[in-house]
């Protein structure tokens, strides 16, 4: 005699599945399992035919054949599809295409995903065996089976359904997974007599239902596993190459650091030498002045200040013409032309004006200054004072040449 709960279950399905008769020693387990079935499956607001067809399709991939057989029975009229007395059962010929579907991979799955992503929000119910149902069931199967394509498939379902509908689909998937697991851990579960009779009567149905789910998809799964292994091997090879590259980079980095340290030491030594040279130039009794090719003064030592009266701050950045009387400006052009040509000017006798306005006879020696590429960038001159002339600029004539030398710096 059936318990009140078993009577409720039988009234809902039209039959009493053995699935709910496994725990008679503890009725609370059956009651809670039934409560989950009512909430996630039977009372789920998704269309009843869609729920039952999806249940059947996903059960194709369960290692235990109870769920696929029992829910196929509901679908063809041995009980009520999704427990709904208003849902009309399907004929055998309408169910066979569903049972013969394989789990799509690669380009086939790509087409289903693209279709779902391009459908917009789908209106339910779906036409059985339509391209829309096939694509949605394919994506749901990958999510359900947690394949490597599951994230893409789930995204496609998000594109095809509004948030609420998608949550009800996930809820149905959760119950189907529970049902599969429940059958797997209860090997004593057997098919009901009505299902045995159905399979004995319809050979084509029996071939689909009783087929080993692993053998059913072994070609697709083997190919997929092979592809995954190849991908893993490629990843491992790339990882090894990256390790080698990092090791090589580490060696090059160390060499670069060593070279930089050497150059830094050279620069420090050069800086020290330049500092020593600058100190020598600054403390020299000789007047030493440098200028660029435009005649702009770039350096000015203390001896130049003593001779001409101008400080370094007053002269650096100004034109050398500040020291040259106007009627001798052409001499500076002659000197600069020689420097640009890379020629040294030896003992050029001329006159310069001090800050106080006095005129000084000087003998210049000017050497080209070259950069590291050998290009002339300026001139270094040493005016050697011969004598001072006290006349004002307007009254003097060019003095006779007098001997002097100029320090040069190539």
Protein backbone atom coordinates (compact mmCIF):
# COMPACT_ATOMS: atom_id res chain seq x y z
CA UNK A 1 0.00 0.00 0.00
CA UNK A 2 1.33 3.42 -0.98
CA UNK A 3 2.18 6.08 1.57
CA UNK A 4 0.47 9.48 1.35
CA UNK A 5 3.64 10.91 -0.26
CA UNK A 6 3.81 8.11 -2.83
CA UNK A 7 0.16 8.72 -3.64
CA UNK A 8 0.91 12.43 -4.23
CA UNK A 9 3.83 11.52 -6.49
CA UNK A 10 1.78 9.03 -8.47
CA UNK A 11 -1.05 11.53 -8.84
CA UNK A 12 1.40 14.10 -10.26
CA UNK A 13 3.20 11.80 -12.72
CA UNK A 14 0.41 9.34 -13.42
CA UNK A 15 2.83 6.61 -12.31
CA UNK A 16 5.04 6.03 -9.25
CA UNK A 17 8.69 6.12 -10.39
CA UNK A 18 11.08 3.79 -8.59
CA UNK A 19 13.30 6.87 -8.17
CA UNK A 20 11.11 7.93 -5.23
CA UNK A 21 10.86 4.48 -3.67
CA UNK A 22 14.50 4.06 -2.71
CA UNK A 23 14.47 5.37 0.87
CA UNK A 24 11.36 3.94 2.50
CA UNK A 25 13.35 3.41 5.71
CA UNK A 26 13.57 7.20 6.10
CA UNK A 27 10.54 9.00 4.64
CA UNK A 28 12.07 12.44 5.28
CA UNK A 29 14.71 11.86 2.63
CA UNK A 30 12.10 11.00 0.01
CA UNK A 31 9.93 13.91 1.10
CA UNK A 32 12.77 16.42 0.75
CA UNK A 33 13.89 14.94 -2.56
CA UNK A 34 10.33 15.24 -3.82
CA UNK A 35 10.17 18.82 -2.57
CA UNK A 36 13.24 19.68 -4.63
CA UNK A 37 11.74 17.92 -7.66
CA UNK A 38 8.52 19.91 -7.32
CA UNK A 39 10.33 23.24 -6.96
CA UNK A 40 13.09 22.85 -9.58
CA UNK A 41 11.41 20.61 -12.13
CA UNK A 42 7.65 20.14 -11.88
CA UNK A 43 6.61 23.63 -10.76
CA UNK A 44 9.40 25.35 -12.71
CA UNK A 45 7.51 27.84 -14.96
CA UNK A 46 9.39 26.77 -18.09
CA UNK A 47 7.15 25.06 -20.69
CA UNK A 48 6.52 21.42 -19.70
CA UNK A 49 7.47 19.95 -23.09
CA UNK A 50 10.74 21.89 -23.14
CA UNK A 51 11.61 20.68 -19.61
CA UNK A 52 10.92 17.05 -20.45
CA UNK A 53 12.76 17.11 -23.78
CA UNK A 54 15.79 18.77 -22.16
CA UNK A 55 15.67 16.21 -19.33
CA UNK A 56 15.71 13.39 -21.90
CA UNK A 57 18.52 14.94 -23.98
CA UNK A 58 20.81 15.58 -21.00
CA UNK A 59 20.12 12.08 -19.64
CA UNK A 60 21.67 10.66 -22.81
CA UNK A 61 25.04 11.55 -21.23
CA UNK A 62 24.39 9.87 -17.85
CA UNK A 63 26.24 6.58 -17.27
CA UNK A 64 23.15 5.08 -15.58
CA UNK A 65 20.24 4.57 -18.01
CA UNK A 66 17.37 4.94 -15.56
CA UNK A 67 16.71 8.68 -16.08
CA UNK A 68 16.83 8.54 -19.89
CA UNK A 69 14.43 5.57 -19.91
CA UNK A 70 11.99 6.91 -17.32
CA UNK A 71 11.78 10.41 -18.75
CA UNK A 72 11.50 9.05 -22.27
CA UNK A 73 8.48 7.18 -20.95
CA UNK A 74 6.98 10.42 -19.61
CA UNK A 75 7.65 12.09 -22.96
CA UNK A 76 5.84 9.42 -25.03
CA UNK A 77 2.85 9.06 -22.70
CA UNK A 78 3.88 6.57 -20.01
CA UNK A 79 3.14 9.16 -17.39
CA UNK A 80 2.87 12.93 -17.68
CA UNK A 81 5.66 15.06 -19.20
CA UNK A 82 7.04 17.19 -16.35
CA UNK A 83 4.02 16.05 -14.31
CA UNK A 84 1.73 18.24 -16.44
CA UNK A 85 -1.62 16.59 -17.38
CA UNK A 86 -2.18 19.34 -19.96
CA UNK A 87 1.07 18.57 -21.85
CA UNK A 88 0.41 16.26 -24.80
CA UNK A 89 2.89 13.38 -25.19
CA UNK A 90 4.99 13.02 -28.32
CA UNK A 91 4.95 10.18 -30.83
CA UNK A 92 7.92 7.81 -31.09
CA UNK A 93 8.93 9.30 -34.45
CA UNK A 94 8.97 12.78 -32.87
CA UNK A 95 11.28 11.65 -30.09
CA UNK A 96 13.83 9.62 -32.10
CA UNK A 97 15.63 12.68 -33.61
CA UNK A 98 16.17 14.01 -30.09
CA UNK A 99 17.62 10.68 -28.94
CA UNK A 100 20.02 10.59 -31.90
CA UNK A 101 21.58 13.97 -31.29
CA UNK A 102 25.26 14.04 -30.44
CA UNK A 103 27.10 16.55 -28.30
CA UNK A 104 28.44 19.11 -30.80
CA UNK A 105 32.02 20.38 -30.72
CA UNK A 106 34.24 22.70 -32.72
CA UNK A 107 32.59 24.33 -35.76
CA UNK A 108 29.23 22.66 -35.07
CA UNK A 109 29.16 24.12 -31.58
CA UNK A 110 30.38 27.48 -32.90
CA UNK A 111 27.32 27.63 -35.17
CA UNK A 112 24.96 26.88 -32.26
CA UNK A 113 26.62 29.51 -30.07
CA UNK A 114 26.48 32.10 -32.85
CA UNK A 115 22.77 31.35 -33.38
CA UNK A 116 21.97 31.76 -29.68
CA UNK A 117 23.95 34.99 -29.49
CA UNK A 118 22.07 36.35 -32.49
CA UNK A 119 18.54 35.33 -31.53
CA UNK A 120 17.81 38.17 -29.19
CA UNK A 121 15.51 37.31 -26.30
CA UNK A 122 13.86 33.98 -27.16
CA UNK A 123 10.10 33.57 -26.85
CA UNK A 124 8.95 30.30 -25.28
CA UNK A 125 7.82 27.64 -25.97
CA UNK A 126 10.33 26.42 -28.55
CA UNK A 127 9.29 24.36 -31.54
CA UNK A 128 10.61 20.78 -31.00
CA UNK A 129 13.61 19.95 -33.21
CA UNK A 130 13.82 23.52 -34.49
CA UNK A 131 17.22 25.06 -35.06
CA UNK A 132 16.62 27.27 -32.03
CA UNK A 133 15.86 24.31 -29.72
CA UNK A 134 18.84 22.35 -31.06
CA UNK A 135 21.20 25.30 -30.46
CA UNK A 136 19.86 26.02 -26.97
CA UNK A 137 19.98 22.35 -25.93
CA UNK A 138 23.58 22.10 -27.23
CA UNK A 139 24.68 25.10 -25.18
CA UNK A 140 22.79 23.84 -22.12
CA UNK A 141 24.50 20.44 -22.46
CA UNK A 142 27.98 22.00 -22.44
CA UNK A 143 27.08 24.03 -19.36
CA UNK A 144 25.58 20.92 -17.74
CA UNK A 145 28.59 18.71 -18.55
CA UNK A 146 31.09 21.45 -17.59
CA UNK A 147 33.15 21.07 -20.77
CA UNK A 148 35.93 23.49 -21.71
CA UNK A 149 33.37 25.28 -23.89
CA UNK A 150 30.94 25.77 -20.99
CA UNK A 151 31.80 29.49 -20.43
CA UNK A 152 31.09 30.32 -24.09
CA UNK A 153 27.91 28.27 -24.04
CA UNK A 154 26.68 29.99 -20.88
CA UNK A 155 27.33 33.39 -22.43
CA UNK A 156 25.27 32.33 -25.46
CA UNK A 157 22.36 31.35 -23.16
CA UNK A 158 22.62 34.72 -21.43
CA UNK A 159 22.17 36.34 -24.83
CA UNK A 160 19.13 34.18 -25.65
CA UNK A 161 17.14 34.51 -22.41
CA UNK A 162 16.22 37.20 -19.96
CA UNK A 163 17.76 36.88 -16.51
CA UNK A 164 14.73 35.29 -14.84
CA UNK A 165 14.23 32.63 -17.51
CA UNK A 166 17.93 31.78 -17.49
CA UNK A 167 17.83 31.24 -13.74
CA UNK A 168 14.94 28.78 -14.13
CA UNK A 169 16.98 26.92 -16.78
CA UNK A 170 19.92 26.72 -14.36
CA UNK A 171 17.56 25.48 -11.65
CA UNK A 172 16.31 22.70 -13.93
CA UNK A 173 19.91 21.74 -14.78
CA UNK A 174 20.68 21.53 -11.06
CA UNK A 175 17.84 19.09 -10.45
CA UNK A 176 18.73 16.93 -13.46
CA UNK A 177 22.30 16.70 -12.15
CA UNK A 178 20.92 15.68 -8.74
CA UNK A 179 18.73 13.04 -10.35
CA UNK A 180 21.65 11.61 -12.30
CA UNK A 181 23.85 11.46 -9.23
CA UNK A 182 21.05 9.86 -7.18
CA UNK A 183 20.75 7.05 -9.72
CA UNK A 184 24.53 6.59 -9.90
CA UNK A 185 24.83 5.98 -6.15
CA UNK A 186 21.83 3.62 -6.07
CA UNK A 187 22.80 0.69 -8.32
CA UNK A 188 19.80 -1.25 -7.01
CA UNK A 189 17.48 1.07 -8.96
CA UNK A 190 15.64 -0.86 -11.70
CA UNK A 191 13.39 0.16 -14.59
CA UNK A 192 9.63 -0.02 -14.15
CA UNK A 193 7.59 -2.61 -16.01
CA UNK A 194 6.00 -0.04 -18.36
CA UNK A 195 9.47 1.12 -19.48
CA UNK A 196 10.69 -2.44 -20.02
CA UNK A 197 7.64 -3.08 -22.16
CA UNK A 198 8.23 0.12 -24.18
CA UNK A 199 11.84 -0.79 -24.93
CA UNK A 200 10.94 -4.36 -25.76
CA UNK A 201 8.32 -3.13 -28.23
CA UNK A 202 10.35 -0.41 -29.98
CA UNK A 203 13.78 -1.57 -31.08
CA UNK A 204 14.87 1.87 -32.32
CA UNK A 205 14.06 3.42 -28.96
CA UNK A 206 15.89 0.67 -27.12
CA UNK A 207 18.99 1.14 -29.30
CA UNK A 208 19.15 4.84 -28.38
CA UNK A 209 18.23 4.48 -24.71
CA UNK A 210 20.39 1.49 -23.83
CA UNK A 211 23.48 2.64 -25.78
CA UNK A 212 26.56 3.30 -23.69
CA UNK A 213 26.76 7.09 -23.35
CA UNK A 214 30.56 6.93 -23.52
CA UNK A 215 30.53 4.82 -26.68
CA UNK A 216 27.82 7.09 -28.11
CA UNK A 217 30.13 10.09 -28.11
CA UNK A 218 33.51 8.35 -28.07
CA UNK A 219 34.53 9.74 -31.47
CA UNK A 220 33.73 13.33 -30.56
CA UNK A 221 35.13 13.05 -27.05
CA UNK A 222 38.28 11.23 -28.18
CA UNK A 223 38.91 13.89 -30.79
CA UNK A 224 38.34 16.62 -28.23
CA UNK A 225 40.64 14.96 -25.69
CA UNK A 226 43.29 14.58 -28.39
CA UNK A 227 43.00 18.26 -29.22
CA UNK A 228 43.27 19.18 -25.54
CA UNK A 229 46.38 17.00 -25.16
CA UNK A 230 47.96 18.64 -28.20
CA UNK A 231 47.12 22.05 -26.75
CA UNK A 232 48.65 21.07 -23.40
CA UNK A 233 51.78 19.82 -25.15
CA UNK A 234 52.06 23.08 -27.06
CA UNK A 235 51.60 25.02 -23.83
CA UNK A 236 54.34 22.96 -22.19
CA UNK A 237 56.70 23.59 -25.11
CA UNK A 238 55.95 27.32 -24.99
CA UNK A 239 56.54 27.25 -21.24
CA UNK A 240 59.94 25.61 -21.75
CA UNK A 241 60.83 28.15 -24.45
CA UNK A 242 59.80 30.97 -22.13
CA UNK A 243 61.99 29.55 -19.37
CA UNK A 244 64.92 29.40 -21.79
CA UNK A 245 64.20 32.94 -22.96
CA UNK A 246 64.03 34.17 -19.37
CA UNK A 247 67.35 32.47 -18.60
CA UNK A 248 68.90 34.05 -21.68
CA UNK A 249 67.44 37.42 -20.77
CA UNK A 250 68.85 37.03 -17.28
CA UNK A 251 72.31 36.39 -18.72
CA UNK A 252 72.02 39.33 -21.09
CA UNK A 253 70.71 41.49 -18.28
CA UNK A 254 73.73 40.59 -16.14
CA UNK A 255 76.07 41.36 -19.02
CA UNK A 256 74.29 44.66 -19.60
CA UNK A 257 74.59 45.49 -15.91
CA UNK A 258 78.31 44.70 -16.04
CA UNK A 259 78.77 46.92 -19.10
CA UNK A 260 76.76 49.70 -17.47
CA UNK A 261 78.90 49.46 -14.36
CA UNK A 262 82.02 49.65 -16.52
CA UNK A 263 80.66 52.67 -18.37
CA UNK A 264 79.59 54.26 -15.12
CA UNK A 265 83.11 53.80 -13.79
CA UNK A 266 84.51 55.26 -17.01
CA UNK A 267 82.16 58.21 -16.72
CA UNK A 268 83.18 58.71 -13.12
CA UNK A 269 86.84 58.59 -14.13
CA UNK A 270 86.13 60.95 -17.04
CA UNK A 271 84.20 63.24 -14.73
CA UNK A 272 87.11 63.28 -12.32
CA UNK A 273 89.53 64.05 -15.15
CA UNK A 274 87.20 66.75 -16.48
CA UNK A 275 86.96 68.18 -12.99
CA UNK A 276 90.73 68.19 -12.72
CA UNK A 277 91.00 69.79 -16.15
CA UNK A 278 88.38 72.40 -15.25
CA UNK A 279 90.30 73.21 -12.07
CA UNK A 280 93.52 73.55 -14.05
CA UNK A 281 91.81 75.81 -16.62
CA UNK A 282 90.19 77.91 -13.90
CA UNK A 283 93.39 78.34 -11.93
CA UNK A 284 95.58 78.97 -14.98
CA UNK A 285 97.29 82.32 -15.39
CA UNK A 286 96.51 82.07 -19.10
CA UNK A 287 93.28 83.51 -20.50
CA UNK A 288 91.20 80.57 -21.77
CA UNK A 289 87.84 81.14 -23.45
CA UNK A 290 85.63 78.80 -25.53
CA UNK A 291 82.81 79.71 -27.92
CA UNK A 292 80.44 77.96 -30.29
CA UNK A 293 80.30 78.37 -34.07
CA UNK A 294 78.02 81.37 -33.67
CA UNK A 295 80.55 83.16 -31.54
CA UNK A 296 78.61 82.66 -28.28
CA UNK A 297 80.89 82.30 -25.26
CA UNK A 298 80.56 78.93 -23.48
CA UNK A 299 83.37 79.12 -20.90
CA UNK A 300 85.36 81.91 -19.23
CA UNK A 301 88.14 81.40 -16.70
CA UNK A 302 89.43 83.61 -13.88
CA UNK A 303 92.37 84.85 -15.94
CA UNK A 304 89.89 86.16 -18.55
CA UNK A 305 88.11 88.04 -15.79
CA UNK A 306 91.41 89.58 -14.65
CA UNK A 307 92.32 90.65 -18.19
CA UNK A 308 88.98 91.91 -19.47
CA UNK A 309 87.21 92.83 -16.23
CA UNK A 310 84.06 90.84 -16.98
CA UNK A 311 82.93 87.99 -14.71
CA UNK A 312 81.99 84.57 -16.09
CA UNK A 313 78.30 85.26 -15.35
CA UNK A 314 78.47 88.43 -17.42
CA UNK A 315 80.11 86.79 -20.43
CA UNK A 316 78.91 83.19 -20.71
CA UNK A 317 76.01 83.12 -23.15
CA UNK A 318 76.93 86.44 -24.79
CA UNK A 319 78.66 87.08 -28.12
CA UNK A 320 82.44 87.30 -28.36
CA UNK A 321 81.81 90.51 -30.33
CA UNK A 322 81.27 92.22 -26.96
CA UNK A 323 85.08 92.27 -26.65
CA UNK A 324 85.85 93.24 -30.26
CA UNK A 325 85.88 96.82 -31.55
CA UNK A 326 83.29 97.31 -34.30
CA UNK A 327 85.77 97.93 -37.09
CA UNK A 328 87.42 94.56 -36.32
CA UNK A 329 84.23 92.44 -36.40
CA UNK A 330 85.29 91.07 -39.76
CA UNK A 331 88.32 89.47 -38.05
CA UNK A 332 85.96 87.32 -35.99
CA UNK A 333 84.23 86.13 -39.17
CA UNK A 334 87.65 85.17 -40.57
CA UNK A 335 88.48 83.25 -37.39
CA UNK A 336 85.11 81.43 -37.31
CA UNK A 337 85.40 80.49 -40.99
CA UNK A 338 88.79 78.90 -40.29
CA UNK A 339 87.42 77.03 -37.24
CA UNK A 340 84.39 75.73 -39.21
CA UNK A 341 86.84 74.41 -41.80
CA UNK A 342 88.69 72.60 -38.98
CA UNK A 343 91.80 74.77 -39.25
CA UNK A 344 93.76 76.05 -36.27
CA UNK A 345 94.37 79.81 -36.11
CA UNK A 346 97.96 80.56 -35.00
CA UNK A 347 99.08 83.84 -33.37
CA UNK A 348 96.37 86.09 -34.76
CA UNK A 349 97.36 89.63 -33.71
CA UNK A 350 94.41 91.85 -32.87
CA UNK A 351 92.84 94.17 -30.28
CA UNK A 352 90.20 93.56 -27.62
CA UNK A 353 88.22 95.96 -25.43
CA UNK A 354 87.99 95.50 -21.64
CA UNK A 355 84.94 96.21 -19.50
CA UNK A 356 86.37 99.63 -18.62
CA UNK A 357 86.71 100.49 -22.31
CA UNK A 358 90.46 100.13 -22.54
CA UNK A 359 91.92 98.52 -25.64
CA UNK A 360 94.29 95.58 -25.26
CA UNK A 361 96.68 94.22 -27.87
CA UNK A 362 96.40 90.42 -27.88
CA UNK A 363 97.79 87.51 -29.85
CA UNK A 364 95.21 84.77 -30.37
CA UNK A 365 95.60 81.08 -30.99
CA UNK A 366 92.26 79.37 -31.65
CA UNK A 367 91.73 75.60 -31.94
CA UNK A 368 88.63 73.80 -33.21
CA UNK A 369 86.52 71.97 -30.61
CA UNK A 370 85.11 68.69 -31.91
CA UNK A 371 82.34 66.46 -30.57
CA UNK A 372 82.64 62.67 -30.17
CA UNK A 373 81.75 62.24 -33.85
CA UNK A 374 84.59 64.52 -34.95
CA UNK A 375 82.33 67.38 -35.98
CA UNK A 376 83.53 70.94 -35.23
CA UNK A 377 81.19 72.54 -32.68
CA UNK A 378 83.19 75.51 -31.50
CA UNK A 379 86.59 77.04 -30.80
CA UNK A 380 88.88 77.31 -27.80
CA UNK A 381 91.02 80.43 -27.70
CA UNK A 382 93.75 81.82 -25.52
CA UNK A 383 94.23 85.58 -25.84
CA UNK A 384 97.70 86.54 -24.75
CA UNK A 385 97.90 90.19 -23.62
CA UNK A 386 100.79 92.13 -25.15
CA UNK A 387 100.10 95.63 -23.84
CA UNK A 388 97.23 97.91 -22.90
CA UNK A 389 96.22 100.96 -24.84
CA UNK A 390 94.37 103.67 -23.00
CA UNK A 391 92.80 105.36 -26.04
CA UNK A 392 89.01 105.37 -26.39
CA UNK A 393 87.63 103.22 -29.22
CA UNK A 394 86.89 106.15 -31.55
CA UNK A 395 90.51 107.36 -31.60
CA UNK A 396 92.60 104.21 -31.96
CA UNK A 397 94.19 102.53 -34.95
CA UNK A 398 94.95 98.83 -35.28
CA UNK A 399 98.25 98.16 -33.44
CA UNK A 400 101.20 96.45 -34.97
CA UNK A 401 101.27 92.67 -34.56
CA UNK A 402 102.69 91.32 -31.33
CA UNK A 403 103.56 87.76 -30.37
CA UNK A 404 101.26 85.57 -28.18
CA UNK A 405 99.88 82.01 -28.01
CA UNK A 406 96.40 80.48 -27.47
CA UNK A 407 95.62 77.22 -25.67
CA UNK A 408 93.76 74.82 -27.97
CA UNK A 409 91.47 71.91 -27.13
CA UNK A 410 90.69 69.50 -30.01
